[in-house]
Amino acid sequence: MSEQKQDSRKNEKVGKVVSTKMTKTIVVEVTRRVPHPAYKRIVTRRKKFYAHDEEGSARLGDTVRIVECRPLSRLKCWRLGEVLRRAAQVSVEPESIESVASPAQGKSDTR
């Protein structure tokens, strides 16, 4: 019972994965909408958090939940809780080598 209470006090945030270039680390951008203090207009605020991803399960564009934990490094004090929604997979077909390697047809070398 005390274990459940301890987990419920931990801070959680939901955001989008914007980078997975580091080993076992993801960068999550959390967006929130707040009223401007002087103008009372709704403004979007964004902040990036470094989170620990032990299995490397998160991919670029995924919507994830991150949970606060003990400091793991100078910048990392969050860990990946769960992947809420997977990003759409985009398959890119490589161009043929001939079309990339051949020079442009309309140009001629005049020197």
N, C-alpha and C. Protein backbone atom coordinates (compact mmCIF):
# COMPACT_ATOMS: atom_id res chain seq x y z
N MET A 1 0.81 -1.19 0.00
CA MET A 1 0.00 0.00 0.00
C MET A 1 0.86 1.25 0.00
N SER A 2 1.94 1.25 0.78
CA SER A 2 2.80 2.42 0.81
C SER A 2 3.51 2.61 -0.53
N GLU A 3 3.72 1.49 -1.26
CA GLU A 3 4.37 1.59 -2.56
C GLU A 3 3.48 2.32 -3.56
N GLN A 4 2.17 2.09 -3.51
CA GLN A 4 1.25 2.78 -4.41
C GLN A 4 1.20 4.26 -4.11
N LYS A 5 1.21 4.62 -2.84
CA LYS A 5 1.19 6.04 -2.47
C LYS A 5 2.45 6.74 -2.95
N GLN A 6 3.58 6.05 -2.85
CA GLN A 6 4.84 6.65 -3.27
C GLN A 6 4.83 6.91 -4.78
N ASP A 7 4.30 5.98 -5.56
CA ASP A 7 4.25 6.16 -7.01
C ASP A 7 3.28 7.27 -7.39
N SER A 8 2.18 7.42 -6.64
CA SER A 8 1.19 8.42 -7.00
C SER A 8 1.70 9.84 -6.77
N ARG A 9 2.68 10.00 -5.88
CA ARG A 9 3.22 11.33 -5.62
C ARG A 9 4.23 11.76 -6.68
N LYS A 10 4.71 10.83 -7.48
CA LYS A 10 5.71 11.19 -8.49
C LYS A 10 5.06 11.98 -9.61
N ASN A 11 5.80 12.95 -10.08
CA ASN A 11 5.31 13.83 -11.13
C ASN A 11 5.31 13.08 -12.47
N GLU A 12 4.28 13.25 -13.26
CA GLU A 12 4.19 12.64 -14.59
C GLU A 12 3.89 13.71 -15.61
N LYS A 13 4.42 13.52 -16.81
CA LYS A 13 4.16 14.45 -17.90
C LYS A 13 3.93 13.64 -19.17
N VAL A 14 3.13 14.20 -20.07
CA VAL A 14 2.86 13.56 -21.36
C VAL A 14 3.39 14.48 -22.44
N GLY A 15 4.16 13.91 -23.38
CA GLY A 15 4.73 14.71 -24.44
C GLY A 15 5.07 13.88 -25.65
N LYS A 16 5.73 14.53 -26.60
CA LYS A 16 6.07 13.90 -27.88
C LYS A 16 7.58 13.73 -27.96
N VAL A 17 8.03 12.57 -28.45
CA VAL A 17 9.46 12.30 -28.59
C VAL A 17 9.99 13.09 -29.79
N VAL A 18 11.00 13.93 -29.55
CA VAL A 18 11.57 14.75 -30.62
C VAL A 18 12.98 14.30 -31.00
N SER A 19 13.61 13.45 -30.18
CA SER A 19 14.94 12.96 -30.52
C SER A 19 15.19 11.62 -29.84
N THR A 20 15.82 10.70 -30.60
CA THR A 20 16.22 9.40 -30.06
C THR A 20 17.67 9.11 -30.43
N LYS A 21 18.47 10.13 -30.64
CA LYS A 21 19.83 9.96 -31.15
C LYS A 21 20.82 9.49 -30.10
N MET A 22 20.48 9.62 -28.82
CA MET A 22 21.39 9.20 -27.76
C MET A 22 21.06 7.78 -27.31
N THR A 23 22.05 7.07 -26.79
CA THR A 23 21.84 5.71 -26.33
C THR A 23 21.05 5.73 -25.03
N LYS A 24 19.95 4.99 -24.99
CA LYS A 24 19.08 4.85 -23.82
C LYS A 24 18.52 6.18 -23.32
N THR A 25 18.47 7.18 -24.17
CA THR A 25 17.94 8.49 -23.79
C THR A 25 17.03 9.00 -24.89
N ILE A 26 15.91 9.58 -24.50
CA ILE A 26 15.01 10.23 -25.44
C ILE A 26 14.80 11.66 -24.98
N VAL A 27 14.48 12.53 -25.93
CA VAL A 27 14.13 13.91 -25.61
C VAL A 27 12.64 14.05 -25.87
N VAL A 28 11.92 14.47 -24.84
CA VAL A 28 10.46 14.58 -24.91
C VAL A 28 10.09 16.05 -24.79
N GLU A 29 9.29 16.54 -25.74
CA GLU A 29 8.81 17.91 -25.69
C GLU A 29 7.39 17.92 -25.12
N VAL A 30 7.24 18.64 -24.00
CA VAL A 30 5.95 18.75 -23.33
C VAL A 30 5.37 20.11 -23.65
N THR A 31 4.14 20.13 -24.15
CA THR A 31 3.47 21.36 -24.54
C THR A 31 2.34 21.64 -23.55
N ARG A 32 2.24 22.89 -23.11
CA ARG A 32 1.13 23.28 -22.25
C ARG A 32 0.63 24.65 -22.68
N ARG A 33 -0.65 24.88 -22.47
CA ARG A 33 -1.27 26.14 -22.87
C ARG A 33 -1.65 26.91 -21.61
N VAL A 34 -1.13 28.14 -21.49
CA VAL A 34 -1.37 28.96 -20.30
C VAL A 34 -1.80 30.35 -20.73
N PRO A 35 -2.58 31.04 -19.92
CA PRO A 35 -2.93 32.42 -20.25
C PRO A 35 -1.75 33.36 -19.98
N HIS A 36 -1.54 34.31 -20.87
CA HIS A 36 -0.48 35.30 -20.68
C HIS A 36 -0.86 36.16 -19.48
N PRO A 37 0.11 36.46 -18.58
CA PRO A 37 -0.25 37.18 -17.36
C PRO A 37 -0.81 38.58 -17.60
N ALA A 38 -0.31 39.30 -18.59
CA ALA A 38 -0.77 40.67 -18.83
C ALA A 38 -1.91 40.73 -19.83
N TYR A 39 -1.82 39.93 -20.91
CA TYR A 39 -2.77 40.07 -22.01
C TYR A 39 -3.91 39.05 -21.96
N LYS A 40 -3.83 38.07 -21.07
CA LYS A 40 -4.88 37.07 -20.89
C LYS A 40 -5.18 36.24 -22.14
N ARG A 41 -4.24 36.21 -23.06
CA ARG A 41 -4.39 35.41 -24.27
C ARG A 41 -3.73 34.05 -24.02
N ILE A 42 -4.28 33.00 -24.59
CA ILE A 42 -3.73 31.66 -24.40
C ILE A 42 -2.44 31.55 -25.22
N VAL A 43 -1.35 31.16 -24.54
CA VAL A 43 -0.04 31.05 -25.16
C VAL A 43 0.44 29.61 -24.98
N THR A 44 1.10 29.06 -26.01
CA THR A 44 1.64 27.71 -25.94
C THR A 44 3.07 27.77 -25.42
N ARG A 45 3.34 27.04 -24.35
CA ARG A 45 4.68 26.94 -23.77
C ARG A 45 5.19 25.53 -24.02
N ARG A 46 6.46 25.43 -24.42
CA ARG A 46 7.08 24.13 -24.69
C ARG A 46 8.34 23.99 -23.84
N LYS A 47 8.58 22.78 -23.38
CA LYS A 47 9.80 22.50 -22.64
C LYS A 47 10.26 21.09 -22.99
N LYS A 48 11.57 20.91 -23.10
CA LYS A 48 12.13 19.61 -23.44
C LYS A 48 12.70 18.95 -22.19
N PHE A 49 12.44 17.65 -22.06
CA PHE A 49 12.94 16.87 -20.94
C PHE A 49 13.73 15.69 -21.49
N TYR A 50 14.86 15.39 -20.85
CA TYR A 50 15.64 14.20 -21.17
C TYR A 50 15.11 13.07 -20.30
N ALA A 51 14.79 11.94 -20.93
CA ALA A 51 14.23 10.80 -20.19
C ALA A 51 15.00 9.53 -20.52
N HIS A 52 15.09 8.64 -19.54
CA HIS A 52 15.80 7.38 -19.69
C HIS A 52 14.88 6.35 -20.33
N ASP A 53 15.35 5.72 -21.40
CA ASP A 53 14.60 4.69 -22.12
C ASP A 53 15.47 3.44 -22.18
N GLU A 54 15.33 2.57 -21.18
CA GLU A 54 16.22 1.42 -21.02
C GLU A 54 16.16 0.47 -22.22
N GLU A 55 14.97 0.14 -22.70
CA GLU A 55 14.83 -0.83 -23.79
C GLU A 55 14.94 -0.20 -25.17
N GLY A 56 14.89 1.11 -25.26
CA GLY A 56 14.90 1.77 -26.56
C GLY A 56 13.59 1.58 -27.30
N SER A 57 12.49 1.51 -26.57
CA SER A 57 11.19 1.22 -27.19
C SER A 57 10.54 2.44 -27.83
N ALA A 58 10.88 3.64 -27.40
CA ALA A 58 10.25 4.85 -27.95
C ALA A 58 10.89 5.21 -29.28
N ARG A 59 10.05 5.67 -30.21
CA ARG A 59 10.54 6.10 -31.53
C ARG A 59 10.20 7.56 -31.73
N LEU A 60 10.81 8.16 -32.72
CA LEU A 60 10.59 9.56 -33.04
C LEU A 60 9.12 9.80 -33.37
N GLY A 61 8.51 10.79 -32.73
CA GLY A 61 7.12 11.13 -32.99
C GLY A 61 6.11 10.45 -32.08
N ASP A 62 6.54 9.49 -31.26
CA ASP A 62 5.63 8.80 -30.34
C ASP A 62 5.14 9.75 -29.26
N THR A 63 3.93 9.53 -28.79
CA THR A 63 3.42 10.24 -27.62
C THR A 63 3.66 9.34 -26.42
N VAL A 64 4.38 9.87 -25.42
CA VAL A 64 4.81 9.05 -24.28
C VAL A 64 4.47 9.73 -22.96
N ARG A 65 4.45 8.91 -21.90
CA ARG A 65 4.31 9.42 -20.54
C ARG A 65 5.66 9.23 -19.86
N ILE A 66 6.20 10.30 -19.26
CA ILE A 66 7.45 10.21 -18.53
C ILE A 66 7.17 10.43 -17.04
N VAL A 67 7.95 9.73 -16.20
CA VAL A 67 7.75 9.76 -14.76
C VAL A 67 9.04 10.26 -14.11
N GLU A 68 8.90 11.09 -13.11
CA GLU A 68 10.05 11.64 -12.40
C GLU A 68 10.76 10.53 -11.63
N CYS A 69 12.09 10.59 -11.59
CA CYS A 69 12.87 9.60 -10.84
C CYS A 69 14.11 10.29 -10.26
N ARG A 70 14.98 9.52 -9.65
CA ARG A 70 16.20 10.10 -9.09
C ARG A 70 17.08 10.60 -10.23
N PRO A 71 17.98 11.54 -9.97
CA PRO A 71 18.85 12.03 -11.04
C PRO A 71 19.74 10.91 -11.59
N LEU A 72 19.69 10.72 -12.90
CA LEU A 72 20.49 9.69 -13.56
C LEU A 72 21.74 10.28 -14.19
N SER A 73 21.72 11.56 -14.49
CA SER A 73 22.88 12.28 -15.01
C SER A 73 22.63 13.76 -14.76
N ARG A 74 23.46 14.60 -15.35
CA ARG A 74 23.32 16.04 -15.13
C ARG A 74 21.98 16.55 -15.64
N LEU A 75 21.48 16.01 -16.74
CA LEU A 75 20.24 16.49 -17.34
C LEU A 75 19.06 15.53 -17.18
N LYS A 76 19.33 14.26 -16.90
CA LYS A 76 18.26 13.25 -16.88
C LYS A 76 17.76 12.97 -15.48
N CYS A 77 16.51 13.31 -15.22
CA CYS A 77 15.87 12.90 -13.96
C CYS A 77 14.43 12.45 -14.23
N TRP A 78 14.21 11.91 -15.43
CA TRP A 78 12.92 11.37 -15.84
C TRP A 78 13.17 10.01 -16.47
N ARG A 79 12.17 9.14 -16.41
CA ARG A 79 12.26 7.85 -17.09
C ARG A 79 10.98 7.63 -17.89
N LEU A 80 11.09 6.82 -18.91
CA LEU A 80 9.93 6.52 -19.75
C LEU A 80 8.95 5.66 -18.98
N GLY A 81 7.72 6.15 -18.83
CA GLY A 81 6.68 5.37 -18.15
C GLY A 81 6.02 4.40 -19.11
N GLU A 82 5.45 4.95 -20.20
CA GLU A 82 4.81 4.10 -21.20
C GLU A 82 4.67 4.88 -22.50
N VAL A 83 4.55 4.13 -23.58
CA VAL A 83 4.27 4.72 -24.89
C VAL A 83 2.76 4.74 -25.05
N LEU A 84 2.19 5.93 -25.16
CA LEU A 84 0.74 6.06 -25.26
C LEU A 84 0.24 5.86 -26.68
N ARG A 85 0.96 6.43 -27.65
CA ARG A 85 0.54 6.33 -29.05
C ARG A 85 1.78 6.27 -29.93
N ARG A 86 1.81 5.30 -30.82
CA ARG A 86 2.93 5.16 -31.75
C ARG A 86 2.78 6.14 -32.91
N ALA A 87 3.90 6.65 -33.40
CA ALA A 87 3.89 7.52 -34.56
C ALA A 87 3.71 6.67 -35.81
N ALA A 88 3.17 7.27 -36.84
CA ALA A 88 2.97 6.56 -38.10
C ALA A 88 4.32 6.26 -38.73
N GLN A 89 4.48 5.03 -39.22
CA GLN A 89 5.71 4.65 -39.89
C GLN A 89 5.68 5.14 -41.33
N VAL A 90 6.72 5.83 -41.73
CA VAL A 90 6.82 6.31 -43.10
C VAL A 90 7.92 5.52 -43.78
N SER A 91 7.58 4.81 -44.85
CA SER A 91 8.59 4.05 -45.57
C SER A 91 9.07 4.87 -46.76
N VAL A 92 10.37 5.05 -46.83
CA VAL A 92 10.98 5.83 -47.91
C VAL A 92 11.70 4.87 -48.82
N GLU A 93 11.35 4.90 -50.10
CA GLU A 93 12.00 4.03 -51.06
C GLU A 93 13.28 4.70 -51.56
N PRO A 94 14.41 4.02 -51.50
CA PRO A 94 15.65 4.63 -51.97
C PRO A 94 15.61 4.83 -53.48
N GLU A 95 16.13 5.96 -53.90
CA GLU A 95 16.17 6.24 -55.34
C GLU A 95 17.23 5.36 -55.99
N SER A 96 17.05 5.14 -57.26
CA SER A 96 18.03 4.30 -57.95
C SER A 96 19.36 5.05 -58.03
N ILE A 97 20.42 4.30 -57.94
CA ILE A 97 21.76 4.90 -57.91
C ILE A 97 22.05 5.62 -59.22
N GLU A 98 21.54 5.13 -60.34
CA GLU A 98 21.82 5.76 -61.63
C GLU A 98 21.26 7.17 -61.69
N SER A 99 20.06 7.38 -61.18
CA SER A 99 19.45 8.71 -61.27
C SER A 99 20.16 9.70 -60.37
N VAL A 100 20.72 9.25 -59.28
CA VAL A 100 21.44 10.15 -58.37
C VAL A 100 22.84 10.42 -58.89
N ALA A 101 23.49 9.39 -59.44
CA ALA A 101 24.88 9.51 -59.86
C ALA A 101 25.03 10.22 -61.20
N SER A 102 24.02 10.21 -62.07
CA SER A 102 24.16 10.83 -63.38
C SER A 102 24.07 12.35 -63.27
N PRO A 103 24.85 13.09 -64.08
CA PRO A 103 24.78 14.55 -64.04
C PRO A 103 23.46 15.04 -64.64
N ALA A 104 23.13 16.27 -64.37
CA ALA A 104 21.89 16.85 -64.90
C ALA A 104 21.94 16.87 -66.41
N GLN A 105 20.82 16.57 -67.09
CA GLN A 105 20.81 16.44 -68.54
C GLN A 105 20.88 17.79 -69.24
N GLY A 106 20.33 18.81 -68.68
CA GLY A 106 20.28 20.11 -69.35
C GLY A 106 21.57 20.91 -69.24
N LYS A 107 22.48 20.51 -68.39
CA LYS A 107 23.70 21.29 -68.19
C LYS A 107 24.84 20.71 -69.02
N SER A 108 25.68 21.59 -69.51
CA SER A 108 26.89 21.15 -70.19
C SER A 108 28.06 21.93 -69.62
N ASP A 109 29.21 21.32 -69.64
CA ASP A 109 30.40 21.93 -69.06
C ASP A 109 31.04 22.84 -70.10
N THR A 110 30.91 24.16 -69.96
CA THR A 110 31.50 25.11 -70.91
C THR A 110 32.55 25.93 -70.18
N ARG A 111 33.79 25.62 -70.46
CA ARG A 111 34.89 26.37 -69.84
C ARG A 111 35.85 26.84 -70.85
